[in-house]
Amino acid sequence: MRNAMLSLTLLFAWVTASLAFGQQIHLPPMVQQGPNTSNVPVRTQEEADRERARKANEMLQMEIKRDTEKLFQLTTELKDLVDKSGQGILPADTLKKAEQVEKLAHGVKSKIKQSY
């Protein structure tokens, strides 16, 4: 039994070693090390910061657009609630809807200020 375990362990080690030595790492031509590595483009910190700021601004613009669409939807719903009530008593969720509009409007305002 011990010999069988030892044989299996040695066989596993031999197979693993042969696979590891048989593989070769293939790098793209621009990444391979050698005398031609000096022409590999390198981004400066300033370029990386600009790219990061551009992406952050794009995300902020998408958030502003999304929030503005939601604000339009909420104000339309609020208007419909007020119109339905006529001169009578407003439904209970009217105040909640108005608070949602107010909160979202403040958020949009701060995001717009942030984008400048």
PDB file of N, CA and C in Angstrom:
ATOM      1  N   MET A   1       0.819  -1.190   0.000  1.00  0.00           N
ATOM      2  CA  MET A   1       0.000   0.000   0.000  1.00  0.00           C
ATOM      3  C   MET A   1       0.858   1.247   0.000  1.00  0.00           C
ATOM      4  N   ARG A   2       1.911   1.187   0.817  1.00  0.00           N
ATOM      5  CA  ARG A   2       2.813   2.320   0.894  1.00  0.00           C
ATOM      6  C   ARG A   2       3.536   2.528  -0.430  1.00  0.00           C
ATOM      7  N   ASN A   3       3.930   1.444  -1.051  1.00  0.00           N
ATOM      8  CA  ASN A   3       4.611   1.542  -2.349  1.00  0.00           C
ATOM      9  C   ASN A   3       3.679   2.109  -3.408  1.00  0.00           C
ATOM     10  N   ALA A   4       2.426   1.742  -3.342  1.00  0.00           N
ATOM     11  CA  ALA A   4       1.464   2.254  -4.312  1.00  0.00           C
ATOM     12  C   ALA A   4       1.280   3.758  -4.135  1.00  0.00           C
ATOM     13  N   MET A   5       1.189   4.227  -2.885  1.00  0.00           N
ATOM     14  CA  MET A   5       1.046   5.665  -2.621  1.00  0.00           C
ATOM     15  C   MET A   5       2.295   6.410  -3.061  1.00  0.00           C
ATOM     16  N   LEU A   6       3.449   5.847  -2.787  1.00  0.00           N
ATOM     17  CA  LEU A   6       4.708   6.474  -3.185  1.00  0.00           C
ATOM     18  C   LEU A   6       4.809   6.525  -4.702  1.00  0.00           C
ATOM     19  N   SER A   7       4.403   5.462  -5.376  1.00  0.00           N
ATOM     20  CA  SER A   7       4.431   5.425  -6.837  1.00  0.00           C
ATOM     21  C   SER A   7       3.479   6.462  -7.426  1.00  0.00           C
ATOM     22  N   LEU A   8       2.273   6.580  -6.873  1.00  0.00           N
ATOM     23  CA  LEU A   8       1.313   7.569  -7.348  1.00  0.00           C
ATOM     24  C   LEU A   8       1.821   8.989  -7.116  1.00  0.00           C
ATOM     25  N   THR A   9       2.440   9.210  -5.974  1.00  0.00           N
ATOM     26  CA  THR A   9       2.979  10.539  -5.666  1.00  0.00           C
ATOM     27  C   THR A   9       4.090  10.892  -6.637  1.00  0.00           C
ATOM     28  N   LEU A  10       4.990   9.959  -6.900  1.00  0.00           N
ATOM     29  CA  LEU A  10       6.085  10.204  -7.840  1.00  0.00           C
ATOM     30  C   LEU A  10       5.556  10.413  -9.258  1.00  0.00           C
ATOM     31  N   LEU A  11       4.567   9.634  -9.647  1.00  0.00           N
ATOM     32  CA  LEU A  11       3.967   9.780 -10.968  1.00  0.00           C
ATOM     33  C   LEU A  11       3.325  11.158 -11.109  1.00  0.00           C
ATOM     34  N   PHE A  12       2.592  11.589 -10.086  1.00  0.00           N
ATOM     35  CA  PHE A  12       1.952  12.903 -10.100  1.00  0.00           C
ATOM     36  C   PHE A  12       3.008  14.010 -10.181  1.00  0.00           C
ATOM     37  N   ALA A  13       4.063  13.894  -9.410  1.00  0.00           N
ATOM     38  CA  ALA A  13       5.134  14.893  -9.425  1.00  0.00           C
ATOM     39  C   ALA A  13       5.798  14.928 -10.791  1.00  0.00           C
ATOM     40  N   TRP A  14       6.038  13.771 -11.386  1.00  0.00           N
ATOM     41  CA  TRP A  14       6.688  13.721 -12.705  1.00  0.00           C
ATOM     42  C   TRP A  14       5.797  14.362 -13.767  1.00  0.00           C
ATOM     43  N   VAL A  15       4.483  14.069 -13.753  1.00  0.00           N
ATOM     44  CA  VAL A  15       3.556  14.632 -14.731  1.00  0.00           C
ATOM     45  C   VAL A  15       3.467  16.145 -14.555  1.00  0.00           C
ATOM     46  N   THR A  16       3.379  16.590 -13.324  1.00  0.00           N
ATOM     47  CA  THR A  16       3.295  18.021 -13.051  1.00  0.00           C
ATOM     48  C   THR A  16       4.556  18.736 -13.518  1.00  0.00           C
ATOM     49  N   ALA A  17       5.717  18.177 -13.235  1.00  0.00           N
ATOM     50  CA  ALA A  17       6.980  18.793 -13.634  1.00  0.00           C
ATOM     51  C   ALA A  17       7.121  18.812 -15.148  1.00  0.00           C
ATOM     52  N   SER A  18       6.718  17.757 -15.805  1.00  0.00           N
ATOM     53  CA  SER A  18       6.851  17.721 -17.266  1.00  0.00           C
ATOM     54  C   SER A  18       5.917  18.740 -17.910  1.00  0.00           C
ATOM     55  N   LEU A  19       4.724  18.919 -17.354  1.00  0.00           N
ATOM     56  CA  LEU A  19       3.808  19.929 -17.885  1.00  0.00           C
ATOM     57  C   LEU A  19       4.343  21.334 -17.647  1.00  0.00           C
ATOM     58  N   ALA A  20       4.904  21.566 -16.467  1.00  0.00           N
ATOM     59  CA  ALA A  20       5.411  22.896 -16.141  1.00  0.00           C
ATOM     60  C   ALA A  20       6.608  23.267 -17.020  1.00  0.00           C
ATOM     61  N   PHE A  21       7.504  22.325 -17.258  1.00  0.00           N
ATOM     62  CA  PHE A  21       8.672  22.622 -18.079  1.00  0.00           C
ATOM     63  C   PHE A  21       8.350  22.641 -19.560  1.00  0.00           C
ATOM     64  N   GLY A  22       7.282  21.977 -19.945  1.00  0.00           N
ATOM     65  CA  GLY A  22       6.922  21.912 -21.352  1.00  0.00           C
ATOM     66  C   GLY A  22       6.192  23.149 -21.840  1.00  0.00           C
ATOM     67  N   GLN A  23       5.660  23.943 -20.922  1.00  0.00           N
ATOM     68  CA  GLN A  23       4.922  25.135 -21.323  1.00  0.00           C
ATOM     69  C   GLN A  23       5.870  26.306 -21.502  1.00  0.00           C
ATOM     70  N   GLN A  24       5.549  27.118 -22.480  1.00  0.00           N
ATOM     71  CA  GLN A  24       6.344  28.304 -22.736  1.00  0.00           C
ATOM     72  C   GLN A  24       5.410  29.501 -22.691  1.00  0.00           C
ATOM     73  N   ILE A  25       5.851  30.547 -22.046  1.00  0.00           N
ATOM     74  CA  ILE A  25       5.023  31.742 -21.937  1.00  0.00           C
ATOM     75  C   ILE A  25       5.218  32.572 -23.189  1.00  0.00           C
ATOM     76  N   HIS A  26       4.104  32.902 -23.837  1.00  0.00           N
ATOM     77  CA  HIS A  26       4.150  33.704 -25.041  1.00  0.00           C
ATOM     78  C   HIS A  26       3.654  35.107 -24.713  1.00  0.00           C
ATOM     79  N   LEU A  27       4.520  36.084 -24.864  1.00  0.00           N
ATOM     80  CA  LEU A  27       4.160  37.473 -24.607  1.00  0.00           C
ATOM     81  C   LEU A  27       3.948  38.190 -25.924  1.00  0.00           C
ATOM     82  N   PRO A  28       3.059  39.177 -25.953  1.00  0.00           N
ATOM     83  CA  PRO A  28       2.908  39.974 -27.170  1.00  0.00           C
ATOM     84  C   PRO A  28       4.228  40.669 -27.511  1.00  0.00           C
ATOM     85  N   PRO A  29       4.452  40.982 -28.777  1.00  0.00           N
ATOM     86  CA  PRO A  29       5.732  41.575 -29.183  1.00  0.00           C
ATOM     87  C   PRO A  29       6.094  42.840 -28.419  1.00  0.00           C
ATOM     88  N   MET A  30       5.095  43.679 -28.061  1.00  0.00           N
ATOM     89  CA  MET A  30       5.398  44.926 -27.361  1.00  0.00           C
ATOM     90  C   MET A  30       5.786  44.693 -25.903  1.00  0.00           C
ATOM     91  N   VAL A  31       5.494  43.501 -25.358  1.00  0.00           N
ATOM     92  CA  VAL A  31       5.747  43.250 -23.950  1.00  0.00           C
ATOM     93  C   VAL A  31       7.039  42.468 -23.747  1.00  0.00           C
ATOM     94  N   GLN A  32       7.483  41.755 -24.764  1.00  0.00           N
ATOM     95  CA  GLN A  32       8.678  40.939 -24.617  1.00  0.00           C
ATOM     96  C   GLN A  32       9.864  41.815 -24.233  1.00  0.00           C
ATOM     97  N   GLN A  33      10.663  41.282 -23.353  1.00  0.00           N
ATOM     98  CA  GLN A  33      11.828  42.032 -22.903  1.00  0.00           C
ATOM     99  C   GLN A  33      12.931  41.925 -23.937  1.00  0.00           C
ATOM    100  N   GLY A  34      13.672  42.977 -24.041  1.00  0.00           N
ATOM    101  CA  GLY A  34      14.770  42.995 -24.988  1.00  0.00           C
ATOM    102  C   GLY A  34      15.128  44.421 -25.353  1.00  0.00           C
ATOM    103  N   PRO A  35      15.939  44.574 -26.376  1.00  0.00           N
ATOM    104  CA  PRO A  35      16.398  45.918 -26.737  1.00  0.00           C
ATOM    105  C   PRO A  35      15.275  46.813 -27.276  1.00  0.00           C
ATOM    106  N   ASN A  36      14.163  46.252 -27.721  1.00  0.00           N
ATOM    107  CA  ASN A  36      13.094  47.056 -28.305  1.00  0.00           C
ATOM    108  C   ASN A  36      12.077  47.552 -27.276  1.00  0.00           C
ATOM    109  N   THR A  37      12.313  47.306 -26.011  1.00  0.00           N
ATOM    110  CA  THR A  37      11.326  47.708 -25.009  1.00  0.00           C
ATOM    111  C   THR A  37      11.325  49.205 -24.749  1.00  0.00           C
ATOM    112  N   SER A  38      12.270  49.921 -25.264  1.00  0.00           N
ATOM    113  CA  SER A  38      12.326  51.361 -25.016  1.00  0.00           C
ATOM    114  C   SER A  38      11.226  52.113 -25.761  1.00  0.00           C
ATOM    115  N   ASN A  39      10.633  51.520 -26.807  1.00  0.00           N
ATOM    116  CA  ASN A  39       9.599  52.218 -27.548  1.00  0.00           C
ATOM    117  C   ASN A  39       8.183  51.850 -27.085  1.00  0.00           C
ATOM    118  N   VAL A  40       8.070  51.174 -25.934  1.00  0.00           N
ATOM    119  CA  VAL A  40       6.764  50.840 -25.385  1.00  0.00           C
ATOM    120  C   VAL A  40       6.153  52.121 -24.812  1.00  0.00           C
ATOM    121  N   PRO A  41       4.914  52.458 -25.236  1.00  0.00           N
ATOM    122  CA  PRO A  41       4.315  53.698 -24.737  1.00  0.00           C
ATOM    123  C   PRO A  41       4.006  53.611 -23.240  1.00  0.00           C
ATOM    124  N   VAL A  42       4.368  54.656 -22.528  1.00  0.00           N
ATOM    125  CA  VAL A  42       4.136  54.719 -21.092  1.00  0.00           C
ATOM    126  C   VAL A  42       3.325  55.980 -20.804  1.00  0.00           C
ATOM    127  N   ARG A  43       2.224  55.816 -20.072  1.00  0.00           N
ATOM    128  CA  ARG A  43       1.400  56.978 -19.739  1.00  0.00           C
ATOM    129  C   ARG A  43       1.984  57.682 -18.529  1.00  0.00           C
ATOM    130  N   THR A  44       1.979  58.988 -18.588  1.00  0.00           N
ATOM    131  CA  THR A  44       2.449  59.757 -17.445  1.00  0.00           C
ATOM    132  C   THR A  44       1.337  59.822 -16.405  1.00  0.00           C
ATOM    133  N   GLN A  45       1.691  60.237 -15.217  1.00  0.00           N
ATOM    134  CA  GLN A  45       0.701  60.362 -14.149  1.00  0.00           C
ATOM    135  C   GLN A  45      -0.347  61.405 -14.518  1.00  0.00           C
ATOM    136  N   GLU A  46       0.084  62.466 -15.177  1.00  0.00           N
ATOM    137  CA  GLU A  46      -0.840  63.524 -15.590  1.00  0.00           C
ATOM    138  C   GLU A  46      -1.863  62.998 -16.595  1.00  0.00           C
ATOM    139  N   GLU A  47      -1.407  62.188 -17.551  1.00  0.00           N
ATOM    140  CA  GLU A  47      -2.327  61.603 -18.525  1.00  0.00           C
ATOM    141  C   GLU A  47      -3.308  60.650 -17.847  1.00  0.00           C
ATOM    142  N   ALA A  48      -2.812  59.864 -16.909  1.00  0.00           N
ATOM    143  CA  ALA A  48      -3.672  58.929 -16.183  1.00  0.00           C
ATOM    144  C   ALA A  48      -4.706  59.697 -15.361  1.00  0.00           C
ATOM    145  N   ASP A  49      -4.282  60.809 -14.733  1.00  0.00           N
ATOM    146  CA  ASP A  49      -5.216  61.624 -13.957  1.00  0.00           C
ATOM    147  C   ASP A  49      -6.279  62.247 -14.852  1.00  0.00           C
ATOM    148  N   ARG A  50      -5.870  62.719 -16.022  1.00  0.00           N
ATOM    149  CA  ARG A  50      -6.821  63.301 -16.962  1.00  0.00           C
ATOM    150  C   ARG A  50      -7.846  62.266 -17.419  1.00  0.00           C
ATOM    151  N   GLU A  51      -7.364  61.072 -17.711  1.00  0.00           N
ATOM    152  CA  GLU A  51      -8.253  59.993 -18.150  1.00  0.00           C
ATOM    153  C   GLU A  51      -9.236  59.626 -17.034  1.00  0.00           C
ATOM    154  N   ARG A  52      -8.738  59.547 -15.811  1.00  0.00           N
ATOM    155  CA  ARG A  52      -9.588  59.224 -14.669  1.00  0.00           C
ATOM    156  C   ARG A  52     -10.640  60.321 -14.455  1.00  0.00           C
ATOM    157  N   ALA A  53     -10.235  61.588 -14.598  1.00  0.00           N
ATOM    158  CA  ALA A  53     -11.163  62.707 -14.434  1.00  0.00           C
ATOM    159  C   ALA A  53     -12.216  62.698 -15.544  1.00  0.00           C
ATOM    160  N   ARG A  54     -11.803  62.365 -16.763  1.00  0.00           N
ATOM    161  CA  ARG A  54     -12.746  62.306 -17.879  1.00  0.00           C
ATOM    162  C   ARG A  54     -13.790  61.221 -17.645  1.00  0.00           C
ATOM    163  N   LYS A  55     -13.343  60.053 -17.193  1.00  0.00           N
ATOM    164  CA  LYS A  55     -14.275  58.962 -16.925  1.00  0.00           C
ATOM    165  C   LYS A  55     -15.216  59.311 -15.772  1.00  0.00           C
ATOM    166  N   ALA A  56     -14.685  59.964 -14.740  1.00  0.00           N
ATOM    167  CA  ALA A  56     -15.527  60.368 -13.613  1.00  0.00           C
ATOM    168  C   ALA A  56     -16.576  61.377 -14.071  1.00  0.00           C
ATOM    169  N   ASN A  57     -16.186  62.291 -14.946  1.00  0.00           N
ATOM    170  CA  ASN A  57     -17.128  63.286 -15.461  1.00  0.00           C
ATOM    171  C   ASN A  57     -18.212  62.613 -16.308  1.00  0.00           C
ATOM    172  N   GLU A  58     -17.828  61.632 -17.114  1.00  0.00           N
ATOM    173  CA  GLU A  58     -18.809  60.901 -17.909  1.00  0.00           C
ATOM    174  C   GLU A  58     -19.821  60.188 -17.003  1.00  0.00           C
ATOM    175  N   MET A  59     -19.320  59.573 -15.941  1.00  0.00           N
ATOM    176  CA  MET A  59     -20.207  58.886 -15.002  1.00  0.00           C
ATOM    177  C   MET A  59     -21.151  59.886 -14.319  1.00  0.00           C
ATOM    178  N   LEU A  60     -20.617  61.042 -13.962  1.00  0.00           N
ATOM    179  CA  LEU A  60     -21.429  62.070 -13.319  1.00  0.00           C
ATOM    180  C   LEU A  60     -22.520  62.559 -14.264  1.00  0.00           C
ATOM    181  N   GLN A  61     -22.175  62.741 -15.534  1.00  0.00           N
ATOM    182  CA  GLN A  61     -23.169  63.172 -16.523  1.00  0.00           C
ATOM    183  C   GLN A  61     -24.267  62.125 -16.690  1.00  0.00           C
ATOM    184  N   MET A  62     -23.888  60.850 -16.678  1.00  0.00           N
ATOM    185  CA  MET A  62     -24.878  59.777 -16.789  1.00  0.00           C
ATOM    186  C   MET A  62     -25.805  59.773 -15.563  1.00  0.00           C
ATOM    187  N   GLU A  63     -25.232  60.004 -14.366  1.00  0.00           N
ATOM    188  CA  GLU A  63     -26.040  60.063 -13.150  1.00  0.00           C
ATOM    189  C   GLU A  63     -27.007  61.244 -13.195  1.00  0.00           C
ATOM    190  N   ILE A  64     -26.524  62.398 -13.680  1.00  0.00           N
ATOM    191  CA  ILE A  64     -27.382  63.578 -13.780  1.00  0.00           C
ATOM    192  C   ILE A  64     -28.540  63.295 -14.728  1.00  0.00           C
ATOM    193  N   LYS A  65     -28.240  62.668 -15.839  1.00  0.00           N
ATOM    194  CA  LYS A  65     -29.289  62.356 -16.814  1.00  0.00           C
ATOM    195  C   LYS A  65     -30.308  61.385 -16.214  1.00  0.00           C
ATOM    196  N   ARG A  66     -29.821  60.341 -15.559  1.00  0.00           N
ATOM    197  CA  ARG A  66     -30.706  59.348 -14.939  1.00  0.00           C
ATOM    198  C   ARG A  66     -31.578  60.003 -13.871  1.00  0.00           C
ATOM    199  N   ASP A  67     -30.966  60.814 -13.010  1.00  0.00           N
ATOM    200  CA  ASP A  67     -31.713  61.465 -11.939  1.00  0.00           C
ATOM    201  C   ASP A  67     -32.714  62.479 -12.487  1.00  0.00           C
ATOM    202  N   THR A  68     -32.358  63.162 -13.566  1.00  0.00           N
ATOM    203  CA  THR A  68     -33.273  64.130 -14.166  1.00  0.00           C
ATOM    204  C   THR A  68     -34.491  63.428 -14.749  1.00  0.00           C
ATOM    205  N   GLU A  69     -34.275  62.285 -15.379  1.00  0.00           N
ATOM    206  CA  GLU A  69     -35.402  61.513 -15.911  1.00  0.00           C
ATOM    207  C   GLU A  69     -36.310  61.035 -14.774  1.00  0.00           C
ATOM    208  N   LYS A  70     -35.710  60.600 -13.676  1.00  0.00           N
ATOM    209  CA  LYS A  70     -36.488  60.167 -12.512  1.00  0.00           C
ATOM    210  C   LYS A  70     -37.243  61.360 -11.914  1.00  0.00           C
ATOM    211  N   LEU A  71     -36.591  62.519 -11.877  1.00  0.00           N
ATOM    212  CA  LEU A  71     -37.235  63.729 -11.361  1.00  0.00           C
ATOM    213  C   LEU A  71     -38.437  64.106 -12.216  1.00  0.00           C
ATOM    214  N   PHE A  72     -38.295  63.992 -13.521  1.00  0.00           N
ATOM    215  CA  PHE A  72     -39.412  64.268 -14.429  1.00  0.00           C
ATOM    216  C   PHE A  72     -40.579  63.313 -14.155  1.00  0.00           C
ATOM    217  N   GLN A  73     -40.247  62.042 -13.969  1.00  0.00           N
ATOM    218  CA  GLN A  73     -41.282  61.038 -13.692  1.00  0.00           C
ATOM    219  C   GLN A  73     -42.001  61.348 -12.384  1.00  0.00           C
ATOM    220  N   LEU A  74     -41.240  61.678 -11.334  1.00  0.00           N
ATOM    221  CA  LEU A  74     -41.848  61.961 -10.041  1.00  0.00           C
ATOM    222  C   LEU A  74     -42.706  63.225 -10.072  1.00  0.00           C
ATOM    223  N   THR A  75     -42.217  64.265 -10.757  1.00  0.00           N
ATOM    224  CA  THR A  75     -43.015  65.501 -10.817  1.00  0.00           C
ATOM    225  C   THR A  75     -44.294  65.294 -11.624  1.00  0.00           C
ATOM    226  N   THR A  76     -44.225  64.461 -12.649  1.00  0.00           N
ATOM    227  CA  THR A  76     -45.427  64.148 -13.421  1.00  0.00           C
ATOM    228  C   THR A  76     -46.437  63.405 -12.547  1.00  0.00           C
ATOM    229  N   GLU A  77     -45.955  62.455 -11.763  1.00  0.00           N
ATOM    230  CA  GLU A  77     -46.830  61.720 -10.855  1.00  0.00           C
ATOM    231  C   GLU A  77     -47.428  62.654  -9.804  1.00  0.00           C
ATOM    232  N   LEU A  78     -46.604  63.578  -9.293  1.00  0.00           N
ATOM    233  CA  LEU A  78     -47.087  64.533  -8.302  1.00  0.00           C
ATOM    234  C   LEU A  78     -48.163  65.434  -8.900  1.00  0.00           C
ATOM    235  N   LYS A  79     -47.928  65.888 -10.110  1.00  0.00           N
ATOM    236  CA  LYS A  79     -48.910  66.740 -10.795  1.00  0.00           C
ATOM    237  C   LYS A  79     -50.221  65.984 -10.990  1.00  0.00           C
ATOM    238  N   ASP A  80     -50.128  64.720 -11.389  1.00  0.00           N
ATOM    239  CA  ASP A  80     -51.340  63.913 -11.577  1.00  0.00           C
ATOM    240  C   ASP A  80     -52.110  63.752 -10.263  1.00  0.00           C
ATOM    241  N   LEU A  81     -51.392  63.551  -9.155  1.00  0.00           N
ATOM    242  CA  LEU A  81     -52.053  63.421  -7.858  1.00  0.00           C
ATOM    243  C   LEU A  81     -52.790  64.704  -7.489  1.00  0.00           C
ATOM    244  N   VAL A  82     -52.138  65.839  -7.725  1.00  0.00           N
ATOM    245  CA  VAL A  82     -52.759  67.125  -7.403  1.00  0.00           C
ATOM    246  C   VAL A  82     -53.955  67.380  -8.311  1.00  0.00           C
ATOM    247  N   ASP A  83     -53.818  67.065  -9.596  1.00  0.00           N
ATOM    248  CA  ASP A  83     -54.916  67.281 -10.545  1.00  0.00           C
ATOM    249  C   ASP A  83     -56.130  66.412 -10.210  1.00  0.00           C
ATOM    250  N   LYS A  84     -55.887  65.185  -9.757  1.00  0.00           N
ATOM    251  CA  LYS A  84     -56.978  64.272  -9.437  1.00  0.00           C
ATOM    252  C   LYS A  84     -57.760  64.741  -8.218  1.00  0.00           C
ATOM    253  N   SER A  85     -57.058  65.383  -7.299  1.00  0.00           N
ATOM    254  CA  SER A  85     -57.738  65.787  -6.066  1.00  0.00           C
ATOM    255  C   SER A  85     -58.658  66.975  -6.287  1.00  0.00           C
ATOM    256  N   GLY A  86     -58.414  67.757  -7.330  1.00  0.00           N
ATOM    257  CA  GLY A  86     -59.255  68.929  -7.588  1.00  0.00           C
ATOM    258  C   GLY A  86     -59.120  69.904  -6.441  1.00  0.00           C
ATOM    259  N   GLN A  87     -60.229  70.312  -5.878  1.00  0.00           N
ATOM    260  CA  GLN A  87     -60.221  71.235  -4.744  1.00  0.00           C
ATOM    261  C   GLN A  87     -60.291  70.485  -3.412  1.00  0.00           C
ATOM    262  N   GLY A  88     -60.392  69.189  -3.470  1.00  0.00           N
ATOM    263  CA  GLY A  88     -60.562  68.383  -2.255  1.00  0.00           C
ATOM    264  C   GLY A  88     -59.248  68.158  -1.527  1.00  0.00           C
ATOM    265  N   ILE A  89     -59.250  67.148  -0.690  1.00  0.00           N
ATOM    266  CA  ILE A  89     -58.084  66.808   0.131  1.00  0.00           C
ATOM    267  C   ILE A  89     -57.101  66.001  -0.716  1.00  0.00           C
ATOM    268  N   LEU A  90     -55.828  66.319  -0.551  1.00  0.00           N
ATOM    269  CA  LEU A  90     -54.782  65.604  -1.292  1.00  0.00           C
ATOM    270  C   LEU A  90     -54.580  64.217  -0.698  1.00  0.00           C
ATOM    271  N   PRO A  91     -54.239  63.245  -1.548  1.00  0.00           N
ATOM    272  CA  PRO A  91     -53.945  61.896  -1.041  1.00  0.00           C
ATOM    273  C   PRO A  91     -52.741  61.928  -0.093  1.00  0.00           C
ATOM    274  N   ALA A  92     -52.666  60.938   0.780  1.00  0.00           N
ATOM    275  CA  ALA A  92     -51.609  60.886   1.801  1.00  0.00           C
ATOM    276  C   ALA A  92     -50.222  60.782   1.193  1.00  0.00           C
ATOM    277  N   ASP A  93     -50.092  60.110   0.065  1.00  0.00           N
ATOM    278  CA  ASP A  93     -48.758  59.924  -0.514  1.00  0.00           C
ATOM    279  C   ASP A  93     -48.285  61.144  -1.309  1.00  0.00           C
ATOM    280  N   THR A  94     -49.090  62.209  -1.349  1.00  0.00           N
ATOM    281  CA  THR A  94     -48.681  63.428  -2.057  1.00  0.00           C
ATOM    282  C   THR A  94     -47.486  64.060  -1.373  1.00  0.00           C
ATOM    283  N   LEU A  95     -47.517  64.130  -0.046  1.00  0.00           N
ATOM    284  CA  LEU A  95     -46.403  64.712   0.704  1.00  0.00           C
ATOM    285  C   LEU A  95     -45.141  63.876   0.519  1.00  0.00           C
ATOM    286  N   LYS A  96     -45.288  62.576   0.547  1.00  0.00           N
ATOM    287  CA  LYS A  96     -44.137  61.688   0.348  1.00  0.00           C
ATOM    288  C   LYS A  96     -43.540  61.891  -1.042  1.00  0.00           C
ATOM    289  N   LYS A  97     -44.391  62.010  -2.043  1.00  0.00           N
ATOM    290  CA  LYS A  97     -43.933  62.222  -3.411  1.00  0.00           C
ATOM    291  C   LYS A  97     -43.219  63.573  -3.520  1.00  0.00           C
ATOM    292  N   ALA A  98     -43.758  64.594  -2.867  1.00  0.00           N
ATOM    293  CA  ALA A  98     -43.134  65.921  -2.894  1.00  0.00           C
ATOM    294  C   ALA A  98     -41.766  65.894  -2.214  1.00  0.00           C
ATOM    295  N   GLU A  99     -41.636  65.146  -1.134  1.00  0.00           N
ATOM    296  CA  GLU A  99     -40.341  65.020  -0.458  1.00  0.00           C
ATOM    297  C   GLU A  99     -39.330  64.294  -1.337  1.00  0.00           C
ATOM    298  N   GLN A 100     -39.771  63.285  -2.067  1.00  0.00           N
ATOM    299  CA  GLN A 100     -38.882  62.579  -3.000  1.00  0.00           C
ATOM    300  C   GLN A 100     -38.394  63.525  -4.085  1.00  0.00           C
ATOM    301  N   VAL A 101     -39.303  64.346  -4.606  1.00  0.00           N
ATOM    302  CA  VAL A 101     -38.934  65.314  -5.646  1.00  0.00           C
ATOM    303  C   VAL A 101     -37.910  66.288  -5.091  1.00  0.00           C
ATOM    304  N   GLU A 102     -38.156  66.784  -3.891  1.00  0.00           N
ATOM    305  CA  GLU A 102     -37.240  67.745  -3.271  1.00  0.00           C
ATOM    306  C   GLU A 102     -35.855  67.140  -3.069  1.00  0.00           C
ATOM    307  N   LYS A 103     -35.809  65.945  -2.528  1.00  0.00           N
ATOM    308  CA  LYS A 103     -34.525  65.272  -2.274  1.00  0.00           C
ATOM    309  C   LYS A 103     -33.766  65.027  -3.579  1.00  0.00           C
ATOM    310  N   LEU A 104     -34.473  64.551  -4.591  1.00  0.00           N
ATOM    311  CA  LEU A 104     -33.826  64.271  -5.873  1.00  0.00           C
ATOM    312  C   LEU A 104     -33.360  65.558  -6.550  1.00  0.00           C
ATOM    313  N   ALA A 105     -34.147  66.619  -6.422  1.00  0.00           N
ATOM    314  CA  ALA A 105     -33.767  67.901  -7.015  1.00  0.00           C
ATOM    315  C   ALA A 105     -32.496  68.443  -6.365  1.00  0.00           C
ATOM    316  N   HIS A 106     -32.385  68.308  -5.047  1.00  0.00           N
ATOM    317  CA  HIS A 106     -31.168  68.741  -4.363  1.00  0.00           C
ATOM    318  C   HIS A 106     -29.964  67.914  -4.823  1.00  0.00           C
ATOM    319  N   GLY A 107     -30.174  66.616  -5.001  1.00  0.00           N
ATOM    320  CA  GLY A 107     -29.097  65.750  -5.482  1.00  0.00           C
ATOM    321  C   GLY A 107     -28.636  66.138  -6.882  1.00  0.00           C
ATOM    322  N   VAL A 108     -29.584  66.418  -7.775  1.00  0.00           N
ATOM    323  CA  VAL A 108     -29.240  66.834  -9.135  1.00  0.00           C
ATOM    324  C   VAL A 108     -28.488  68.157  -9.097  1.00  0.00           C
ATOM    325  N   LYS A 109     -28.950  69.074  -8.268  1.00  0.00           N
ATOM    326  CA  LYS A 109     -28.294  70.382  -8.151  1.00  0.00           C
ATOM    327  C   LYS A 109     -26.850  70.226  -7.696  1.00  0.00           C
ATOM    328  N   SER A 110     -26.605  69.403  -6.685  1.00  0.00           N
ATOM    329  CA  SER A 110     -25.237  69.232  -6.191  1.00  0.00           C
ATOM    330  C   SER A 110     -24.353  68.533  -7.223  1.00  0.00           C
ATOM    331  N   LYS A 111     -24.917  67.594  -7.977  1.00  0.00           N
ATOM    332  CA  LYS A 111     -24.129  66.918  -9.026  1.00  0.00           C
ATOM    333  C   LYS A 111     -23.782  67.889 -10.151  1.00  0.00           C
ATOM    334  N   ILE A 112     -24.716  68.778 -10.467  1.00  0.00           N
ATOM    335  CA  ILE A 112     -24.438  69.775 -11.519  1.00  0.00           C
ATOM    336  C   ILE A 112     -23.332  70.716 -11.039  1.00  0.00           C
ATOM    337  N   LYS A 113     -23.395  71.140  -9.782  1.00  0.00           N
ATOM    338  CA  LYS A 113     -22.328  72.003  -9.240  1.00  0.00           C
ATOM    339  C   LYS A 113     -20.991  71.266  -9.267  1.00  0.00           C
ATOM    340  N   GLN A 114     -21.023  69.992  -8.950  1.00  0.00           N
ATOM    341  CA  GLN A 114     -19.806  69.169  -8.909  1.00  0.00           C
ATOM    342  C   GLN A 114     -19.182  69.038 -10.308  1.00  0.00           C
ATOM    343  N   SER A 115     -20.012  69.094 -11.347  1.00  0.00           N
ATOM    344  CA  SER A 115     -19.489  68.881 -12.692  1.00  0.00           C
ATOM    345  C   SER A 115     -18.736  70.102 -13.237  1.00  0.00           C
ATOM    346  N   TYR A 116     -18.872  71.255 -12.564  1.00  0.00           N
ATOM    347  CA  TYR A 116     -18.148  72.449 -13.030  1.00  0.00           C
ATOM    348  C   TYR A 116     -16.744  72.475 -12.559  1.00  0.00           C
TER     349      TYR A 116
END
